[in-house]
Amino acid sequence: QVRLVESGGGLVQPGGSLTLSCVASGRTFSNSVIGWFRQKPGKEREFVAVVSRSSGMTYVADSMKGRFFVSRDNAKMTVDLQMNSLKPEDTAVYFCAGDSPRYCSGRGCNEFAVADFSSWGQGTQVTVSS
């Protein structure tokens, strides 16, 4: 299994930007898509973005499309989530996830579910507030 550790969370003003990093260890990292999810207080964990094994394809949830971007460096075993134009409703704990049996098709990626991943990081808190 892959071990994942998120970092980069913090307090940011509305309209600001933040980049989260997910650092992985373990041999299975490059064999799996990597997803980002977030969880707001009292809510279920929701899909944010996914990047394919080769990093050639990405998919971002509609509500975050155009503001959030995901990228991957297999050599460094890292996956970044760049978040721009942040809104108060983006406040949540953000998690990266790996070890998924699903993959992106040749035509692209789609939304992934929490149940699609078996390895998770501990999460990093993002608070958007003035």
Foldseek 3Di string as FASTA:
>chain_A
DKAKAKDWADEAAAQAKTKMKIAIDDDCLLVKKKFKWWDDVPGDIGGAKIAFSVRPAMDGDPVQPPFWDWGADVVRRMIMIIGGNDDQVVWTWMKMFIDFPDGADPVHDDTDDPVRGDYMYPTDTHGYHD
